[in-house]
Protein backbone atom coordinates (compact mmCIF):
# COMPACT_ATOMS: atom_id res chain seq x y z
CA MET A 1 40.39 -61.91 5.28
CA ASP A 2 37.21 -63.53 4.06
CA ASP A 3 35.60 -62.62 0.73
CA ASN A 4 32.74 -60.62 2.24
CA THR A 5 35.15 -58.42 4.22
CA ILE A 6 37.16 -57.71 1.07
CA ILE A 7 33.99 -56.94 -0.88
CA ALA A 8 32.87 -54.51 1.83
CA ARG A 9 36.24 -52.74 1.65
CA VAL A 10 36.02 -52.45 -2.15
CA LEU A 11 32.48 -51.08 -1.95
CA GLU A 12 33.62 -48.53 0.65
CA GLY A 13 36.09 -47.14 -1.90
CA GLU A 14 39.22 -49.19 -1.30
CA THR A 15 39.30 -50.47 -4.88
CA ALA A 16 42.81 -51.92 -4.56
CA ALA A 17 41.40 -54.56 -2.19
CA PHE A 18 39.77 -56.26 -5.20
CA GLU A 19 43.25 -57.53 -6.07
CA HIS A 20 42.95 -59.96 -3.14
CA LEU A 21 39.89 -61.56 -4.79
CA VAL A 22 41.66 -61.69 -8.15
CA ASN A 23 44.68 -63.41 -6.62
CA ARG A 24 42.47 -65.83 -4.70
CA TYR A 25 40.34 -66.89 -7.69
CA LYS A 26 42.46 -66.28 -10.80
CA ASP A 27 43.46 -69.95 -11.14
CA MET A 28 39.86 -71.12 -10.78
CA ALA A 29 38.68 -68.54 -13.34
CA PHE A 30 41.37 -69.49 -15.82
CA SER A 31 40.63 -73.20 -15.39
CA ILE A 32 36.92 -72.71 -16.07
CA ALA A 33 37.57 -70.47 -19.07
CA ARG A 34 40.18 -72.87 -20.45
CA ARG A 35 37.71 -75.75 -20.46
CA VAL A 36 35.21 -73.76 -22.48
CA CYS A 37 37.58 -71.90 -24.79
CA ASN A 38 40.10 -74.68 -25.53
CA SER A 39 42.79 -72.01 -25.90
CA ALA A 40 45.03 -70.57 -23.20
CA GLU A 41 45.08 -67.14 -24.85
CA ASP A 42 41.28 -66.98 -25.10
CA ALA A 43 40.95 -68.28 -21.54
CA GLU A 44 43.26 -65.54 -20.26
CA GLU A 45 41.20 -62.89 -22.04
CA VAL A 46 37.92 -64.38 -20.77
CA SER A 47 39.27 -64.49 -17.20
CA GLN A 48 40.26 -60.83 -17.34
CA ASP A 49 36.89 -59.86 -18.82
CA ALA A 50 35.08 -61.85 -16.13
CA PHE A 51 37.00 -60.16 -13.30
CA LEU A 52 36.23 -56.77 -14.84
CA LYS A 53 32.53 -57.67 -15.03
CA ALA A 54 32.60 -58.92 -11.43
CA TYR A 55 34.25 -55.69 -10.27
CA GLN A 56 31.72 -53.56 -12.14
CA ALA A 57 28.79 -55.55 -10.72
CA LEU A 58 30.17 -56.03 -7.21
CA ASP A 59 27.48 -53.81 -5.74
CA LYS A 60 24.88 -56.24 -7.16
CA PHE A 61 26.41 -59.24 -5.36
CA LYS A 62 23.78 -60.10 -2.74
CA GLN A 63 25.94 -62.53 -0.74
CA GLU A 64 23.15 -65.14 -0.91
CA SER A 65 25.77 -67.53 -2.26
CA LYS A 66 29.53 -67.67 -1.98
CA PHE A 67 31.50 -65.12 -3.99
CA SER A 68 33.30 -67.99 -5.74
CA THR A 69 29.97 -69.38 -7.00
CA TRP A 70 28.91 -65.95 -8.25
CA LEU A 71 32.28 -65.49 -9.99
CA TYR A 72 32.10 -69.03 -11.42
CA ARG A 73 28.82 -68.07 -13.09
CA ILE A 74 30.27 -64.84 -14.50
CA VAL A 75 33.31 -66.67 -15.90
CA THR A 76 31.11 -69.40 -17.37
CA ASN A 77 28.77 -66.95 -19.08
CA THR A 78 31.67 -64.83 -20.36
CA ALA A 79 33.43 -67.89 -21.78
CA ILE A 80 30.27 -69.16 -23.46
CA SER A 81 29.61 -65.74 -24.99
CA SER A 82 33.18 -65.62 -26.23
CA THR A 83 32.90 -69.00 -27.97
CA ARG A 84 29.58 -68.00 -29.55
CA LYS A 85 31.22 -64.94 -31.05
CA LYS A 86 33.92 -67.09 -32.60
CA LYS A 87 31.25 -69.42 -34.03
CA ILE A 88 33.19 -72.59 -33.40
CA ALA A 89 31.96 -75.45 -35.57
CA MET A 90 30.79 -78.33 -33.40
CA THR A 91 29.98 -81.88 -34.33
CA SER A 92 26.27 -82.33 -34.86
CA LEU A 93 24.93 -85.66 -33.71
CA ASP A 94 21.81 -87.39 -34.91
CA GLU A 95 19.58 -87.44 -31.81
CA THR A 96 18.07 -90.84 -32.71
CA LEU A 97 21.59 -92.28 -32.82
CA VAL A 98 22.30 -90.81 -29.40
CA GLU A 99 19.07 -92.12 -27.84
CA ASN A 100 19.53 -95.68 -29.16
CA PHE A 101 23.19 -96.00 -28.21
CA SER A 102 24.43 -98.58 -25.75
CA GLU A 103 26.59 -97.03 -23.05
CA ASP A 104 27.65 -100.49 -21.89
CA GLU A 105 29.31 -101.23 -25.25
CA VAL A 106 31.35 -98.04 -25.16
CA GLN A 107 32.35 -98.67 -21.54
CA GLU A 108 33.50 -102.20 -22.45
CA ASN A 109 35.47 -100.80 -25.40
CA LEU A 110 37.02 -98.09 -23.26
CA ASN A 111 38.03 -100.64 -20.63
CA GLN A 112 40.35 -102.25 -23.23
CA PHE A 113 42.75 -99.33 -22.78
CA SER A 114 45.06 -98.14 -20.03
CA ALA A 115 43.94 -95.26 -17.82
CA GLY A 116 46.17 -92.87 -19.77
CA GLU A 117 44.74 -93.96 -23.12
CA GLN A 118 41.19 -93.75 -21.76
CA SER A 119 41.86 -90.20 -20.59
CA ARG A 120 43.26 -89.24 -24.00
CA TYR A 121 40.24 -90.62 -25.87
CA VAL A 122 37.76 -88.98 -23.50
CA LYS A 123 39.54 -85.60 -23.82
CA GLU A 124 39.52 -85.91 -27.61
CA ALA A 125 35.80 -86.69 -27.62
CA MET A 126 35.10 -83.86 -25.14
CA GLN A 127 36.68 -81.36 -27.54
CA GLN A 128 33.94 -82.20 -30.03
CA LEU A 129 31.14 -81.37 -27.59
CA HIS A 130 29.48 -77.98 -27.58
CA PRO A 131 31.36 -75.79 -25.05
CA GLN A 132 28.31 -75.55 -22.78
CA ASP A 133 27.98 -79.35 -22.73
CA ALA A 134 31.68 -79.82 -22.02
CA LEU A 135 31.45 -77.29 -19.22
CA LEU A 136 28.52 -79.08 -17.53
CA ILE A 137 30.33 -82.42 -17.67
CA ASN A 138 33.50 -80.83 -16.30
CA MET A 139 31.59 -79.13 -13.48
CA PHE A 140 30.07 -82.45 -12.44
CA TYR A 141 33.00 -84.84 -12.90
CA THR A 142 36.17 -82.73 -12.74
CA ASP A 143 35.14 -79.95 -10.36
CA GLU A 144 32.90 -82.38 -8.46
CA LEU A 145 30.10 -79.83 -8.12
CA SER A 146 26.79 -81.22 -6.98
CA VAL A 147 23.66 -80.87 -9.12
CA GLU A 148 22.52 -78.18 -6.66
CA GLU A 149 25.77 -76.23 -7.10
CA ILE A 150 25.57 -76.53 -10.89
CA THR A 151 22.00 -75.22 -10.68
CA GLU A 152 23.24 -72.23 -8.72
CA VAL A 153 26.05 -71.52 -11.21
CA THR A 154 24.09 -72.03 -14.43
CA GLY A 155 20.61 -70.90 -13.43
CA LEU A 156 19.14 -74.16 -14.79
CA SER A 157 16.67 -76.20 -12.75
CA GLN A 158 17.92 -79.35 -11.02
CA ALA A 159 15.80 -81.52 -13.30
CA ASN A 160 17.23 -79.76 -16.35
CA VAL A 161 20.81 -80.26 -15.12
CA LYS A 162 20.17 -83.99 -14.58
CA VAL A 163 18.60 -84.41 -18.03
CA LYS A 164 21.41 -82.45 -19.70
CA LEU A 165 24.10 -84.49 -17.94
CA HIS A 166 22.41 -87.71 -19.07
CA ARG A 167 22.16 -86.55 -22.69
CA ILE A 168 25.72 -85.22 -22.73
CA ARG A 169 27.05 -88.54 -21.44
CA LYS A 170 25.16 -90.29 -24.26
CA LYS A 171 26.64 -87.85 -26.83
CA LEU A 172 30.06 -88.46 -25.37
CA TYR A 173 29.63 -92.21 -25.77
CA VAL A 174 28.60 -91.76 -29.42
CA LEU A 175 31.63 -89.54 -30.04
CA LEU A 176 33.91 -92.11 -28.42
CA ASP A 177 32.45 -94.89 -30.55
CA GLU A 178 32.93 -92.80 -33.71
CA LEU A 179 36.49 -91.99 -32.62
CA PHE A 180 37.28 -95.68 -32.16
CA LYS A 181 35.85 -96.52 -35.59
CA LYS A 182 37.65 -93.63 -37.30
CA GLN A 183 41.00 -94.69 -35.85
CA GLY A 184 40.43 -98.34 -36.81
CA ILE A 185 40.46 -99.49 -33.20
CA PRO A 186 38.85 -102.92 -32.93
CA VAL A 187 35.81 -102.57 -30.74
CA MET A 188 34.10 -105.29 -28.78
CA ARG A 189 30.51 -106.02 -29.86
């Protein structure tokens, strides 16, 4: 059964049919929430809240996009709201430092390490990003969403998504450089 058929059944009063959508998208919802929340327990709670919100707003789903995209947006917004409530302290970066940073140097430094070590350092740096920034980077690189799809999920313009991705990459490079320095890793200059 496709999503729209299930949605029609739910809206006609067969509320138990919503379980099919939950089972179909629960892993995706948890994965999105986990990236933003950085905690499995919080991600589980966010996923449940998002499915409840989706169920309650199902009659507002216009089917102009795929149900999964609509749900992705609900999960994203729910996760971001959850992290705001917890007031997680994030690393603040000097914007002039970010703008004047050489991405090539960080890439050269990162290339010194094995793929596993590179992944570990990138994950550690990503944890220091604001949850919304980390989510955008994950959407683009991990989930392989196009700029157009990210626009649909976030409600941002395409130009804004491109600018944000560029700035987030720069922040990530600064965080990686600081991580290397803090751990006493010799960096190539």
